[in-house]
Structure formats: C-alpha cells, structure tokens
Amino acid sequence: MRFDTRQRGVICRVGLAALAAAATSLATAQTFPVKPIRFVVPFAPGGGTDLLARAIGQRLTDVLGQPVVVDNRAGAGGVIGADLVAKAAPDGYTIVLGSPGPLTINPNLRPSIPYRLKDFAPITLATISPFVLVVNPALGVASVKELIALAKSKPGTLNFGSGGNGSVAHLSGEQFKALAGVQITHVPYKGSNPSIIDLIGGQLQLVIDNLPVLVLHVRSGRLKALALGTRKRSVLLPEVPTMIEAGVPGYQASTAFGVLAPAGTPRAIMARLNREIVTILRAPDLIERFAGLGLEAVGSTPEEYAEHLRAELAQYSKLIKSIGLKLE
C-alpha cells in the first residue's frame, strides 16, 4: 500500500501526537503525586470500611510522600461517595474504597443511579471478609443440616434479619433460601446492629452477616455460628465449616473491599498505586492486624479485581432477578 505526501504527513503527525501523549503520561507518573490524594469512603466514620481505608491511607501517605486524606461521603447505600469518584478527574488524586453495595448491588437494584461499573478503574482487591450464618442457641440446632430440616418442617415460620432490603446480608439470606430450598421470612432493619440485638433477644432465629460484627457474640456464646460463606475457613473461628462443607454447594457470601479510581486514569499512575497498595496489604503486621478483625488481606492486579467485580455483578444480577427484588 502506498501513501501520498499528504497522507504520510497525517500519519506522521498522529504518530508524533501518540508519542507525545505517552511521554506526558510517563512524566506525570514519574512525578506523581505532587499534591494530596483524596481517599473517598462512601460510608460514615468509625465503621469497618472507614478503619480499613485509614489503615491503607496512613501507610500510603508514608510511601508516596503526600497526604492521603480519607473523605467520608456517606449516603444512599454508598451511592453518593461512589458517584463523586466516578465523576472526578481521572488523574489519580481521587480514589475510593469500594464494596458490593455501591458497586455491584445498587447498579442491579437502582437503574437510575448516576454511574455504572465501567465508570471506575479497579486498582486492587484489598480484603475479603466472610459472612457467617448464626442462630440463637435457643433454636436448638447444631448444624446447617439441622437448620434446613427444621425450616422445611415449619415453612415460613423462621425469620432471618438483615440491615435492610438489598443489603449484602439480605441477599446472603436469599441465596441460602434458594440453594437450601427453604422458606424463611426476611425481616429488614435499619442497620445490622438492631437485627443482631433482636437475634440475641430471641425475636429472630437467624442472621447471615459479616464475621467481624458477629465474632464476639459467637465467642461469648450469645450466638451459635453454623457456617461461613467463603470457600475456606476463618482463623477467627477455625472450628466453623464453610457453607459448602456444611452441605450447601455453590454458596458464596462475603464482602470484598477494593480500591478504585475514575475510569481513564493513566495506566502508569494506576500501576504505581497498585504496586504501593499491594505492598502495603502484604506487610506481615498488617496481615495479622486485619486477620484479627476477620479480614483476609489480598492485594491483586487491576485485571484480577476487574474480573472479580464482573463476576460479583453477574452473581447479584441473577439473584436479584430470581427473587424479583426492586427498590425503585
């Protein structure tokens, strides 16, 4: 194929522009960061998400030489904070600690939310926290099989609580119902703590919620743990089997936290953030600290985290459609 002089000139200019853009991106990455980084947490201060972000943010401040400032933007189940980051400049100076609620559940439940998963650039999967099925000891069941047998003998009479319609705890319970083939009534609360209080008090029979918020109640004997939602057991409750071990194949329930930037953030900056955050997550003292909270430190490539999010989005889409759940 031959090109005339004008075509060769156009091709040359395009090539030079591409080289200039690449050089600019490399130069930006080499000097990044030159100002503070905002680390958005889409939930209120003091919770597990906030504590995780502050632990990462403090160490990231040390290695980057610029302040990493945690910015709590709570509201609408994490939508407000996530939307802020989705619309931020893609320059690496605004990142978010993502979780299933704002990233993979709400897009399936609320079609009108102003962003989608494609509006984010995954940096790394940070931690995974298992969900655990707990019952009131007075219920008199010692295993998942016994719970399923009881539920089948009394359809619709057992209740499970959650922190609200569409929460991870709610969907974890619905998944259990579907896979175990039982009829259990969902009771939504405004937050996890009220549901746990009612479970301890005997107003509910079971809850499936995050291990960190339940482990102390299990150790004290106020609640009995029957199974974990992850594929492997937890060091916090090594005697408790996974749901798959307990006889419910295919069950998965956990909360995965990860760090994301706005879509379009330069690859070189993404690579720098990934490298530094993964190094932080793999520090032995931080692994031990997180394990004590019921969190498994991960640290992944951006591609691995992107695949995790796609799979999670599809999982919740299928489950939400199967139960006909709508919040709008």
C-alpha atoms as a PDB file:
ATOM      1  CA  MET A   1       0.000   0.000   0.000  1.00  0.00           C
ATOM      2  CA  ARG A   2       1.351   3.418  -0.996  1.00  0.00           C
ATOM      3  CA  PHE A   3       0.621   6.752   0.686  1.00  0.00           C
ATOM      4  CA  ASP A   4       0.881  10.164  -0.913  1.00  0.00           C
ATOM      5  CA  THR A   5       2.780  13.012   0.713  1.00  0.00           C
ATOM      6  CA  ARG A   6      -0.284  14.420   2.453  1.00  0.00           C
ATOM      7  CA  GLN A   7      -1.251  11.010   3.898  1.00  0.00           C
ATOM      8  CA  ARG A   8       2.300  10.426   5.116  1.00  0.00           C
ATOM      9  CA  GLY A   9       2.191  13.806   6.809  1.00  0.00           C
ATOM     10  CA  VAL A  10      -1.053  12.959   8.597  1.00  0.00           C
ATOM     11  CA  ILE A  11       0.308   9.587   9.744  1.00  0.00           C
ATOM     12  CA  CYS A  12       3.470  11.263  10.962  1.00  0.00           C
ATOM     13  CA  ARG A  13       1.535  13.856  12.954  1.00  0.00           C
ATOM     14  CA  VAL A  14      -0.673  11.174  14.502  1.00  0.00           C
ATOM     15  CA  GLY A  15       2.380   9.139  15.452  1.00  0.00           C
ATOM     16  CA  LEU A  16       4.101  12.134  16.981  1.00  0.00           C
ATOM     17  CA  ALA A  17       0.960  13.011  18.924  1.00  0.00           C
ATOM     18  CA  ALA A  18       0.780   9.483  20.298  1.00  0.00           C
ATOM     19  CA  LEU A  19       4.438   9.595  21.311  1.00  0.00           C
ATOM     20  CA  ALA A  20       3.931  12.981  22.954  1.00  0.00           C
ATOM     21  CA  ALA A  21       0.924  11.686  24.889  1.00  0.00           C
ATOM     22  CA  ALA A  22       2.870   8.638  26.034  1.00  0.00           C
ATOM     23  CA  ALA A  23       5.799  10.809  27.109  1.00  0.00           C
ATOM     24  CA  THR A  24       3.473  13.130  29.018  1.00  0.00           C
ATOM     25  CA  SER A  25       1.820  10.163  30.758  1.00  0.00           C
ATOM     26  CA  LEU A  26       5.220   8.734  31.728  1.00  0.00           C
ATOM     27  CA  ALA A  27       6.419  12.087  33.037  1.00  0.00           C
ATOM     28  CA  THR A  28       3.226  12.508  35.051  1.00  0.00           C
ATOM     29  CA  ALA A  29       3.615   9.064  36.582  1.00  0.00           C
ATOM     30  CA  GLN A  30       7.249   9.731  37.473  1.00  0.00           C
ATOM     31  CA  THR A  31       6.345  12.887  39.408  1.00  0.00           C
ATOM     32  CA  PHE A  32       3.046  11.532  40.834  1.00  0.00           C
ATOM     33  CA  PRO A  33       1.902  12.544  43.370  1.00  0.00           C
ATOM     34  CA  VAL A  34       2.633  16.244  43.745  1.00  0.00           C
ATOM     35  CA  LYS A  35      -0.371  17.044  45.951  1.00  0.00           C
ATOM     36  CA  PRO A  36      -2.653  15.289  48.492  1.00  0.00           C
ATOM     37  CA  ILE A  37      -4.762  12.327  47.406  1.00  0.00           C
ATOM     38  CA  ARG A  38      -8.415  12.121  48.431  1.00  0.00           C
ATOM     39  CA  PHE A  39      -9.443   8.621  49.542  1.00  0.00           C
ATOM     40  CA  VAL A  40     -13.248   8.547  49.487  1.00  0.00           C
ATOM     41  CA  VAL A  41     -15.109   6.225  51.842  1.00  0.00           C
ATOM     42  CA  PRO A  42     -18.805   6.014  50.862  1.00  0.00           C
ATOM     43  CA  PHE A  43     -19.855   5.350  54.465  1.00  0.00           C
ATOM     44  CA  ALA A  44     -19.809   7.089  57.838  1.00  0.00           C
ATOM     45  CA  PRO A  45     -16.673   7.346  60.021  1.00  0.00           C
ATOM     46  CA  GLY A  46     -15.965   4.617  62.544  1.00  0.00           C
ATOM     47  CA  GLY A  47     -17.192   1.584  60.597  1.00  0.00           C
ATOM     48  CA  GLY A  48     -15.137  -1.243  59.166  1.00  0.00           C
ATOM     49  CA  THR A  49     -14.827   0.417  55.753  1.00  0.00           C
ATOM     50  CA  ASP A  50     -13.531   3.596  57.346  1.00  0.00           C
ATOM     51  CA  LEU A  51     -10.990   1.761  59.518  1.00  0.00           C
ATOM     52  CA  LEU A  52      -9.679  -0.179  56.525  1.00  0.00           C
ATOM     53  CA  ALA A  53      -9.285   2.975  54.420  1.00  0.00           C
ATOM     54  CA  ARG A  54      -7.436   4.778  57.203  1.00  0.00           C
ATOM     55  CA  ALA A  55      -5.043   1.860  57.706  1.00  0.00           C
ATOM     56  CA  ILE A  56      -4.193   1.822  53.997  1.00  0.00           C
ATOM     57  CA  GLY A  57      -4.208   5.608  53.699  1.00  0.00           C
ATOM     58  CA  GLN A  58      -1.729   6.172  56.509  1.00  0.00           C
ATOM     59  CA  ARG A  59       0.843   3.816  55.021  1.00  0.00           C
ATOM     60  CA  LEU A  60       0.233   5.162  51.536  1.00  0.00           C
ATOM     61  CA  THR A  61       0.994   8.631  52.891  1.00  0.00           C
ATOM     62  CA  ASP A  62       4.337   7.365  54.158  1.00  0.00           C
ATOM     63  CA  VAL A  63       5.435   5.769  50.876  1.00  0.00           C
ATOM     64  CA  LEU A  64       4.105   8.444  48.493  1.00  0.00           C
ATOM     65  CA  GLY A  65       5.316  11.453  50.471  1.00  0.00           C
ATOM     66  CA  GLN A  66       1.958  13.216  50.100  1.00  0.00           C
ATOM     67  CA  PRO A  67      -1.050  13.162  52.477  1.00  0.00           C
ATOM     68  CA  VAL A  68      -3.722  10.611  51.668  1.00  0.00           C
ATOM     69  CA  VAL A  69      -6.838  12.180  53.181  1.00  0.00           C
ATOM     70  CA  VAL A  70      -9.827   9.962  53.999  1.00  0.00           C
ATOM     71  CA  ASP A  71     -13.045  11.693  52.948  1.00  0.00           C
ATOM     72  CA  ASN A  72     -16.233  10.126  54.332  1.00  0.00           C
ATOM     73  CA  ARG A  73     -19.153  10.694  51.950  1.00  0.00           C
ATOM     74  CA  ALA A  74     -21.983   8.593  53.358  1.00  0.00           C
ATOM     75  CA  GLY A  75     -25.489   8.299  51.976  1.00  0.00           C
ATOM     76  CA  ALA A  76     -27.786   6.294  49.702  1.00  0.00           C
ATOM     77  CA  GLY A  77     -26.076   2.974  50.444  1.00  0.00           C
ATOM     78  CA  GLY A  78     -22.702   4.215  49.243  1.00  0.00           C
ATOM     79  CA  VAL A  79     -24.027   5.742  46.015  1.00  0.00           C
ATOM     80  CA  ILE A  80     -23.137   9.351  46.927  1.00  0.00           C
ATOM     81  CA  GLY A  81     -19.463   8.628  47.570  1.00  0.00           C
ATOM     82  CA  ALA A  82     -19.105   6.300  44.610  1.00  0.00           C
ATOM     83  CA  ASP A  83     -20.698   8.827  42.258  1.00  0.00           C
ATOM     84  CA  LEU A  84     -18.313  11.526  43.462  1.00  0.00           C
ATOM     85  CA  VAL A  85     -15.349   9.397  42.417  1.00  0.00           C
ATOM     86  CA  ALA A  86     -16.917   8.258  39.152  1.00  0.00           C
ATOM     87  CA  LYS A  87     -17.201  11.922  38.135  1.00  0.00           C
ATOM     88  CA  ALA A  88     -13.811  13.042  39.491  1.00  0.00           C
ATOM     89  CA  ALA A  89     -10.858  13.957  37.278  1.00  0.00           C
ATOM     90  CA  PRO A  90      -9.047  10.768  36.195  1.00  0.00           C
ATOM     91  CA  ASP A  91      -5.654  11.907  37.444  1.00  0.00           C
ATOM     92  CA  GLY A  92      -5.002   9.570  40.396  1.00  0.00           C
ATOM     93  CA  TYR A  93      -5.773  12.193  43.032  1.00  0.00           C
ATOM     94  CA  THR A  94      -9.236  10.810  43.859  1.00  0.00           C
ATOM     95  CA  ILE A  95      -9.697   7.130  44.748  1.00  0.00           C
ATOM     96  CA  VAL A  96     -12.435   5.191  46.528  1.00  0.00           C
ATOM     97  CA  LEU A  97     -12.691   2.174  48.796  1.00  0.00           C
ATOM     98  CA  GLY A  98     -15.336   0.153  47.009  1.00  0.00           C
ATOM     99  CA  SER A  99     -17.600  -2.628  48.282  1.00  0.00           C
ATOM    100  CA  PRO A 100     -20.532  -4.668  46.898  1.00  0.00           C
ATOM    101  CA  GLY A 101     -23.264  -2.228  47.972  1.00  0.00           C
ATOM    102  CA  PRO A 102     -22.352   0.736  45.754  1.00  0.00           C
ATOM    103  CA  LEU A 103     -20.512  -1.215  43.039  1.00  0.00           C
ATOM    104  CA  THR A 104     -22.341  -4.457  42.276  1.00  0.00           C
ATOM    105  CA  ILE A 105     -25.646  -4.446  44.182  1.00  0.00           C
ATOM    106  CA  ASN A 106     -27.049  -0.947  43.682  1.00  0.00           C
ATOM    107  CA  PRO A 107     -26.485  -0.966  39.896  1.00  0.00           C
ATOM    108  CA  ASN A 108     -28.749  -4.038  39.819  1.00  0.00           C
ATOM    109  CA  LEU A 109     -31.355  -2.638  42.208  1.00  0.00           C
ATOM    110  CA  ARG A 110     -31.481   1.034  41.255  1.00  0.00           C
ATOM    111  CA  PRO A 111     -31.366   1.554  37.481  1.00  0.00           C
ATOM    112  CA  SER A 112     -31.433   5.329  37.966  1.00  0.00           C
ATOM    113  CA  ILE A 113     -28.148   5.618  39.883  1.00  0.00           C
ATOM    114  CA  PRO A 114     -25.810   8.005  38.017  1.00  0.00           C
ATOM    115  CA  TYR A 115     -22.884   5.629  37.387  1.00  0.00           C
ATOM    116  CA  ARG A 116     -22.021   2.095  36.351  1.00  0.00           C
ATOM    117  CA  LEU A 117     -19.095  -0.224  36.975  1.00  0.00           C
ATOM    118  CA  LYS A 118     -17.482   0.883  33.707  1.00  0.00           C
ATOM    119  CA  ASP A 119     -17.025   4.363  35.206  1.00  0.00           C
ATOM    120  CA  PHE A 120     -14.308   3.043  37.535  1.00  0.00           C
ATOM    121  CA  ALA A 121     -10.779   1.763  37.025  1.00  0.00           C
ATOM    122  CA  PRO A 122     -10.054  -1.068  39.506  1.00  0.00           C
ATOM    123  CA  ILE A 123      -6.666  -0.736  41.220  1.00  0.00           C
ATOM    124  CA  THR A 124      -6.593  -3.730  43.563  1.00  0.00           C
ATOM    125  CA  LEU A 125      -8.783  -6.053  45.592  1.00  0.00           C
ATOM    126  CA  ALA A 126      -7.821  -5.193  49.171  1.00  0.00           C
ATOM    127  CA  THR A 127      -9.570  -7.567  51.581  1.00  0.00           C
ATOM    128  CA  ILE A 128     -12.277 -10.208  51.756  1.00  0.00           C
ATOM    129  CA  SER A 129     -14.448 -10.668  54.831  1.00  0.00           C
ATOM    130  CA  PRO A 130     -16.608 -13.809  55.142  1.00  0.00           C
ATOM    131  CA  PHE A 131     -20.261 -13.763  56.059  1.00  0.00           C
ATOM    132  CA  VAL A 132     -21.331 -16.211  58.727  1.00  0.00           C
ATOM    133  CA  LEU A 133     -24.687 -17.843  59.431  1.00  0.00           C
ATOM    134  CA  VAL A 134     -25.523 -17.521  63.122  1.00  0.00           C
ATOM    135  CA  VAL A 135     -28.548 -18.646  65.107  1.00  0.00           C
ATOM    136  CA  ASN A 136     -29.900 -18.084  68.576  1.00  0.00           C
ATOM    137  CA  PRO A 137     -28.715 -21.062  70.687  1.00  0.00           C
ATOM    138  CA  ALA A 138     -32.285 -21.489  71.950  1.00  0.00           C
ATOM    139  CA  LEU A 139     -33.290 -22.603  68.455  1.00  0.00           C
ATOM    140  CA  GLY A 140     -31.723 -25.958  69.290  1.00  0.00           C
ATOM    141  CA  VAL A 141     -29.878 -26.643  66.025  1.00  0.00           C
ATOM    142  CA  ALA A 142     -26.205 -27.590  65.909  1.00  0.00           C
ATOM    143  CA  SER A 143     -25.584 -27.634  62.147  1.00  0.00           C
ATOM    144  CA  VAL A 144     -26.781 -26.264  58.838  1.00  0.00           C
ATOM    145  CA  LYS A 145     -28.398 -29.619  58.024  1.00  0.00           C
ATOM    146  CA  GLU A 146     -30.416 -29.450  61.234  1.00  0.00           C
ATOM    147  CA  LEU A 147     -31.433 -25.859  60.454  1.00  0.00           C
ATOM    148  CA  ILE A 148     -32.574 -26.830  56.962  1.00  0.00           C
ATOM    149  CA  ALA A 149     -34.565 -29.776  58.345  1.00  0.00           C
ATOM    150  CA  LEU A 150     -36.252 -27.502  60.895  1.00  0.00           C
ATOM    151  CA  ALA A 151     -37.046 -24.867  58.279  1.00  0.00           C
ATOM    152  CA  LYS A 152     -38.559 -27.472  55.955  1.00  0.00           C
ATOM    153  CA  SER A 153     -40.691 -28.868  58.770  1.00  0.00           C
ATOM    154  CA  LYS A 154     -42.068 -25.386  59.520  1.00  0.00           C
ATOM    155  CA  PRO A 155     -42.185 -23.481  56.197  1.00  0.00           C
ATOM    156  CA  GLY A 156     -42.265 -19.702  56.596  1.00  0.00           C
ATOM    157  CA  THR A 157     -42.135 -19.706  60.389  1.00  0.00           C
ATOM    158  CA  LEU A 158     -38.425 -18.998  60.830  1.00  0.00           C
ATOM    159  CA  ASN A 159     -37.233 -15.391  60.429  1.00  0.00           C
ATOM    160  CA  PHE A 160     -33.883 -14.000  59.367  1.00  0.00           C
ATOM    161  CA  GLY A 161     -32.864 -10.383  59.831  1.00  0.00           C
ATOM    162  CA  SER A 162     -30.646  -8.056  57.837  1.00  0.00           C
ATOM    163  CA  GLY A 163     -29.501  -4.442  57.742  1.00  0.00           C
ATOM    164  CA  GLY A 164     -32.120  -3.624  55.110  1.00  0.00           C
ATOM    165  CA  ASN A 165     -33.601  -4.615  51.765  1.00  0.00           C
ATOM    166  CA  GLY A 166     -30.878  -5.054  49.170  1.00  0.00           C
ATOM    167  CA  SER A 167     -28.045  -5.254  51.695  1.00  0.00           C
ATOM    168  CA  VAL A 168     -25.375  -7.935  51.364  1.00  0.00           C
ATOM    169  CA  ALA A 169     -26.848  -9.612  54.461  1.00  0.00           C
ATOM    170  CA  HIS A 170     -30.308  -9.679  52.874  1.00  0.00           C
ATOM    171  CA  LEU A 171     -29.042 -11.150  49.614  1.00  0.00           C
ATOM    172  CA  SER A 172     -26.888 -13.660  51.516  1.00  0.00           C
ATOM    173  CA  GLY A 173     -30.043 -14.891  53.241  1.00  0.00           C
ATOM    174  CA  GLU A 174     -31.953 -15.075  49.977  1.00  0.00           C
ATOM    175  CA  GLN A 175     -29.119 -17.075  48.430  1.00  0.00           C
ATOM    176  CA  PHE A 176     -29.279 -19.513  51.339  1.00  0.00           C
ATOM    177  CA  LYS A 177     -33.032 -19.895  50.918  1.00  0.00           C
ATOM    178  CA  ALA A 178     -32.680 -20.591  47.197  1.00  0.00           C
ATOM    179  CA  LEU A 179     -29.827 -23.091  47.445  1.00  0.00           C
ATOM    180  CA  ALA A 180     -31.158 -24.880  50.543  1.00  0.00           C
ATOM    181  CA  GLY A 181     -34.739 -24.941  49.251  1.00  0.00           C
ATOM    182  CA  VAL A 182     -36.286 -23.469  52.397  1.00  0.00           C
ATOM    183  CA  GLN A 183     -38.931 -20.831  53.137  1.00  0.00           C
ATOM    184  CA  ILE A 184     -37.618 -18.343  55.709  1.00  0.00           C
ATOM    185  CA  THR A 185     -39.116 -14.885  56.204  1.00  0.00           C
ATOM    186  CA  HIS A 186     -36.884 -11.832  55.765  1.00  0.00           C
ATOM    187  CA  VAL A 187     -37.156  -9.034  58.346  1.00  0.00           C
ATOM    188  CA  PRO A 188     -35.337  -5.838  57.245  1.00  0.00           C
ATOM    189  CA  TYR A 189     -33.847  -3.460  59.811  1.00  0.00           C
ATOM    190  CA  LYS A 190     -32.189  -0.063  59.582  1.00  0.00           C
ATOM    191  CA  GLY A 191     -28.671  -1.394  60.006  1.00  0.00           C
ATOM    192  CA  SER A 192     -27.094  -4.658  61.122  1.00  0.00           C
ATOM    193  CA  ASN A 193     -26.860  -3.946  64.848  1.00  0.00           C
ATOM    194  CA  PRO A 194     -30.629  -3.858  65.508  1.00  0.00           C
ATOM    195  CA  SER A 195     -31.046  -7.209  63.752  1.00  0.00           C
ATOM    196  CA  ILE A 196     -28.261  -8.748  65.844  1.00  0.00           C
ATOM    197  CA  ILE A 197     -29.794  -7.380  69.053  1.00  0.00           C
ATOM    198  CA  ASP A 198     -33.146  -8.944  68.146  1.00  0.00           C
ATOM    199  CA  LEU A 199     -31.459 -12.232  67.257  1.00  0.00           C
ATOM    200  CA  ILE A 200     -29.784 -12.351  70.671  1.00  0.00           C
ATOM    201  CA  GLY A 201     -33.122 -11.421  72.265  1.00  0.00           C
ATOM    202  CA  GLY A 202     -34.962 -14.234  70.503  1.00  0.00           C
ATOM    203  CA  GLN A 203     -37.135 -12.149  68.174  1.00  0.00           C
ATOM    204  CA  LEU A 204     -35.272 -13.640  65.184  1.00  0.00           C
ATOM    205  CA  GLN A 205     -33.984 -17.145  64.602  1.00  0.00           C
ATOM    206  CA  LEU A 206     -31.006 -16.497  62.328  1.00  0.00           C
ATOM    207  CA  VAL A 207     -28.840 -13.850  60.682  1.00  0.00           C
ATOM    208  CA  ILE A 208     -26.189 -14.079  57.969  1.00  0.00           C
ATOM    209  CA  ASP A 209     -23.840 -11.138  58.354  1.00  0.00           C
ATOM    210  CA  ASN A 210     -20.222 -10.041  58.314  1.00  0.00           C
ATOM    211  CA  LEU A 211     -17.904 -12.068  60.546  1.00  0.00           C
ATOM    212  CA  PRO A 212     -16.269  -9.035  62.244  1.00  0.00           C
ATOM    213  CA  VAL A 213     -19.606  -7.811  63.645  1.00  0.00           C
ATOM    214  CA  LEU A 214     -20.615 -11.277  64.902  1.00  0.00           C
ATOM    215  CA  VAL A 215     -17.440 -12.954  66.135  1.00  0.00           C
ATOM    216  CA  LEU A 216     -17.542 -11.552  69.691  1.00  0.00           C
ATOM    217  CA  HIS A 217     -21.158 -12.667  70.125  1.00  0.00           C
ATOM    218  CA  VAL A 218     -20.203 -16.150  68.923  1.00  0.00           C
ATOM    219  CA  ARG A 219     -17.232 -16.388  71.267  1.00  0.00           C
ATOM    220  CA  SER A 220     -19.358 -15.238  74.199  1.00  0.00           C
ATOM    221  CA  GLY A 221     -21.939 -17.942  73.487  1.00  0.00           C
ATOM    222  CA  ARG A 222     -24.774 -15.498  72.850  1.00  0.00           C
ATOM    223  CA  LEU A 223     -24.931 -16.738  69.253  1.00  0.00           C
ATOM    224  CA  LYS A 224     -24.010 -20.021  67.585  1.00  0.00           C
ATOM    225  CA  ALA A 225     -22.143 -19.984  64.267  1.00  0.00           C
ATOM    226  CA  LEU A 226     -23.136 -22.726  61.828  1.00  0.00           C
ATOM    227  CA  ALA A 227     -21.243 -21.923  58.614  1.00  0.00           C
ATOM    228  CA  LEU A 228     -19.109 -19.401  56.740  1.00  0.00           C
ATOM    229  CA  GLY A 229     -19.852 -18.022  53.284  1.00  0.00           C
ATOM    230  CA  THR A 230     -16.287 -18.168  51.952  1.00  0.00           C
ATOM    231  CA  ARG A 231     -14.551 -21.129  50.326  1.00  0.00           C
ATOM    232  CA  LYS A 232     -12.130 -21.574  53.215  1.00  0.00           C
ATOM    233  CA  ARG A 233     -12.446 -21.385  56.980  1.00  0.00           C
ATOM    234  CA  SER A 234     -11.534 -18.359  59.068  1.00  0.00           C
ATOM    235  CA  VAL A 235      -8.676 -18.253  61.559  1.00  0.00           C
ATOM    236  CA  LEU A 236     -11.066 -16.451  63.922  1.00  0.00           C
ATOM    237  CA  LEU A 237     -13.481 -19.405  64.025  1.00  0.00           C
ATOM    238  CA  PRO A 238     -11.475 -22.368  62.686  1.00  0.00           C
ATOM    239  CA  GLU A 239     -13.988 -24.876  64.011  1.00  0.00           C
ATOM    240  CA  VAL A 240     -16.830 -23.437  61.912  1.00  0.00           C
ATOM    241  CA  PRO A 241     -17.226 -25.123  58.491  1.00  0.00           C
ATOM    242  CA  THR A 242     -17.836 -23.338  55.236  1.00  0.00           C
ATOM    243  CA  MET A 243     -21.368 -23.453  53.848  1.00  0.00           C
ATOM    244  CA  ILE A 244     -20.152 -25.779  51.104  1.00  0.00           C
ATOM    245  CA  GLU A 245     -18.657 -28.138  53.712  1.00  0.00           C
ATOM    246  CA  ALA A 246     -21.928 -27.926  55.617  1.00  0.00           C
ATOM    247  CA  GLY A 247     -23.897 -29.234  52.650  1.00  0.00           C
ATOM    248  CA  VAL A 248     -24.963 -26.198  50.596  1.00  0.00           C
ATOM    249  CA  PRO A 249     -22.981 -26.440  47.308  1.00  0.00           C
ATOM    250  CA  GLY A 250     -22.344 -23.238  45.403  1.00  0.00           C
ATOM    251  CA  TYR A 251     -22.971 -20.897  48.320  1.00  0.00           C
ATOM    252  CA  GLN A 252     -20.785 -17.769  48.466  1.00  0.00           C
ATOM    253  CA  ALA A 253     -21.291 -14.779  50.737  1.00  0.00           C
ATOM    254  CA  SER A 254     -18.611 -12.259  51.628  1.00  0.00           C
ATOM    255  CA  THR A 255     -17.747  -8.599  51.480  1.00  0.00           C
ATOM    256  CA  ALA A 256     -14.852  -7.703  49.225  1.00  0.00           C
ATOM    257  CA  PHE A 257     -13.273  -4.278  49.629  1.00  0.00           C
ATOM    258  CA  GLY A 258     -11.125  -2.835  46.879  1.00  0.00           C
ATOM    259  CA  VAL A 259      -9.527   0.404  45.743  1.00  0.00           C
ATOM    260  CA  LEU A 260     -10.662   2.072  42.519  1.00  0.00           C
ATOM    261  CA  ALA A 261     -10.004   5.270  40.578  1.00  0.00           C
ATOM    262  CA  PRO A 262     -12.131   7.049  37.956  1.00  0.00           C
ATOM    263  CA  ALA A 263     -12.119   5.388  34.546  1.00  0.00           C
ATOM    264  CA  GLY A 264      -9.479   6.871  32.281  1.00  0.00           C
ATOM    265  CA  THR A 265      -6.822   7.281  34.964  1.00  0.00           C
ATOM    266  CA  PRO A 266      -3.404   6.908  33.227  1.00  0.00           C
ATOM    267  CA  ARG A 267      -2.054   3.375  33.279  1.00  0.00           C
ATOM    268  CA  ALA A 268       1.287   4.448  34.675  1.00  0.00           C
ATOM    269  CA  ILE A 269      -0.396   6.084  37.682  1.00  0.00           C
ATOM    270  CA  MET A 270      -2.640   3.044  38.132  1.00  0.00           C
ATOM    271  CA  ALA A 271       0.443   0.820  38.119  1.00  0.00           C
ATOM    272  CA  ARG A 272       2.139   2.970  40.768  1.00  0.00           C
ATOM    273  CA  LEU A 273      -0.910   2.934  43.036  1.00  0.00           C
ATOM    274  CA  ASN A 274      -1.353  -0.802  42.569  1.00  0.00           C
ATOM    275  CA  ARG A 275       2.278  -1.510  43.382  1.00  0.00           C
ATOM    276  CA  GLU A 276       2.287   0.585  46.543  1.00  0.00           C
ATOM    277  CA  ILE A 277      -1.092  -0.586  47.889  1.00  0.00           C
ATOM    278  CA  VAL A 278      -0.379  -4.268  47.231  1.00  0.00           C
ATOM    279  CA  THR A 279       2.951  -3.919  49.063  1.00  0.00           C
ATOM    280  CA  ILE A 280       1.087  -2.369  52.000  1.00  0.00           C
ATOM    281  CA  LEU A 281      -1.518  -5.150  52.050  1.00  0.00           C
ATOM    282  CA  ARG A 282       1.184  -7.819  52.091  1.00  0.00           C
ATOM    283  CA  ALA A 283       3.034  -6.399  55.081  1.00  0.00           C
ATOM    284  CA  PRO A 284       3.073  -9.174  57.734  1.00  0.00           C
ATOM    285  CA  ASP A 285       1.956  -6.913  60.593  1.00  0.00           C
ATOM    286  CA  LEU A 286      -0.988  -5.589  58.575  1.00  0.00           C
ATOM    287  CA  ILE A 287      -1.992  -9.103  57.505  1.00  0.00           C
ATOM    288  CA  GLU A 288      -2.034 -10.101  61.171  1.00  0.00           C
ATOM    289  CA  ARG A 289      -3.935  -6.964  62.180  1.00  0.00           C
ATOM    290  CA  PHE A 290      -6.593  -7.484  59.526  1.00  0.00           C
ATOM    291  CA  ALA A 291      -6.900 -11.196  60.335  1.00  0.00           C
ATOM    292  CA  GLY A 292      -7.735 -10.241  63.903  1.00  0.00           C
ATOM    293  CA  LEU A 293     -10.631  -8.212  62.522  1.00  0.00           C
ATOM    294  CA  GLY A 294     -11.891 -11.038  60.328  1.00  0.00           C
ATOM    295  CA  LEU A 295     -10.439  -9.569  57.133  1.00  0.00           C
ATOM    296  CA  GLU A 296      -8.247 -11.525  54.726  1.00  0.00           C
ATOM    297  CA  ALA A 297      -5.710  -9.190  53.118  1.00  0.00           C
ATOM    298  CA  VAL A 298      -5.482  -9.903  49.388  1.00  0.00           C
ATOM    299  CA  GLY A 299      -3.700  -7.495  47.046  1.00  0.00           C
ATOM    300  CA  SER A 300      -4.372  -8.277  43.385  1.00  0.00           C
ATOM    301  CA  THR A 301      -3.662  -6.981  39.913  1.00  0.00           C
ATOM    302  CA  PRO A 302      -6.142  -4.493  38.434  1.00  0.00           C
ATOM    303  CA  GLU A 303      -7.222  -7.176  35.952  1.00  0.00           C
ATOM    304  CA  GLU A 304      -7.936  -9.696  38.704  1.00  0.00           C
ATOM    305  CA  TYR A 305     -10.009  -7.185  40.632  1.00  0.00           C
ATOM    306  CA  ALA A 306     -11.900  -6.201  37.470  1.00  0.00           C
ATOM    307  CA  GLU A 307     -12.773  -9.851  36.857  1.00  0.00           C
ATOM    308  CA  HIS A 308     -13.890 -10.241  40.480  1.00  0.00           C
ATOM    309  CA  LEU A 309     -16.223  -7.255  40.109  1.00  0.00           C
ATOM    310  CA  ARG A 310     -17.696  -8.533  36.846  1.00  0.00           C
ATOM    311  CA  ALA A 311     -18.411 -11.927  38.403  1.00  0.00           C
ATOM    312  CA  GLU A 312     -19.929 -10.349  41.504  1.00  0.00           C
ATOM    313  CA  LEU A 313     -22.118  -8.038  39.410  1.00  0.00           C
ATOM    314  CA  ALA A 314     -23.411 -11.036  37.443  1.00  0.00           C
ATOM    315  CA  GLN A 315     -23.996 -13.055  40.625  1.00  0.00           C
ATOM    316  CA  TYR A 316     -26.112 -10.339  42.217  1.00  0.00           C
ATOM    317  CA  SER A 317     -27.949  -9.664  38.963  1.00  0.00           C
ATOM    318  CA  LYS A 318     -29.034 -13.305  38.747  1.00  0.00           C
ATOM    319  CA  LEU A 319     -30.041 -13.470  42.415  1.00  0.00           C
ATOM    320  CA  ILE A 320     -31.941 -10.166  42.420  1.00  0.00           C
ATOM    321  CA  LYS A 321     -33.879 -11.138  39.287  1.00  0.00           C
ATOM    322  CA  SER A 322     -34.689 -14.572  40.690  1.00  0.00           C
ATOM    323  CA  ILE A 323     -36.324 -13.125  43.826  1.00  0.00           C
ATOM    324  CA  GLY A 324     -37.908 -10.191  41.990  1.00  0.00           C
ATOM    325  CA  LEU A 325     -36.379  -7.595  44.307  1.00  0.00           C
ATOM    326  CA  LYS A 326     -36.935  -3.960  43.310  1.00  0.00           C
ATOM    327  CA  LEU A 327     -36.188  -0.817  45.304  1.00  0.00           C
ATOM    328  CA  GLU A 328     -37.314   1.776  42.737  1.00  0.00           C
END
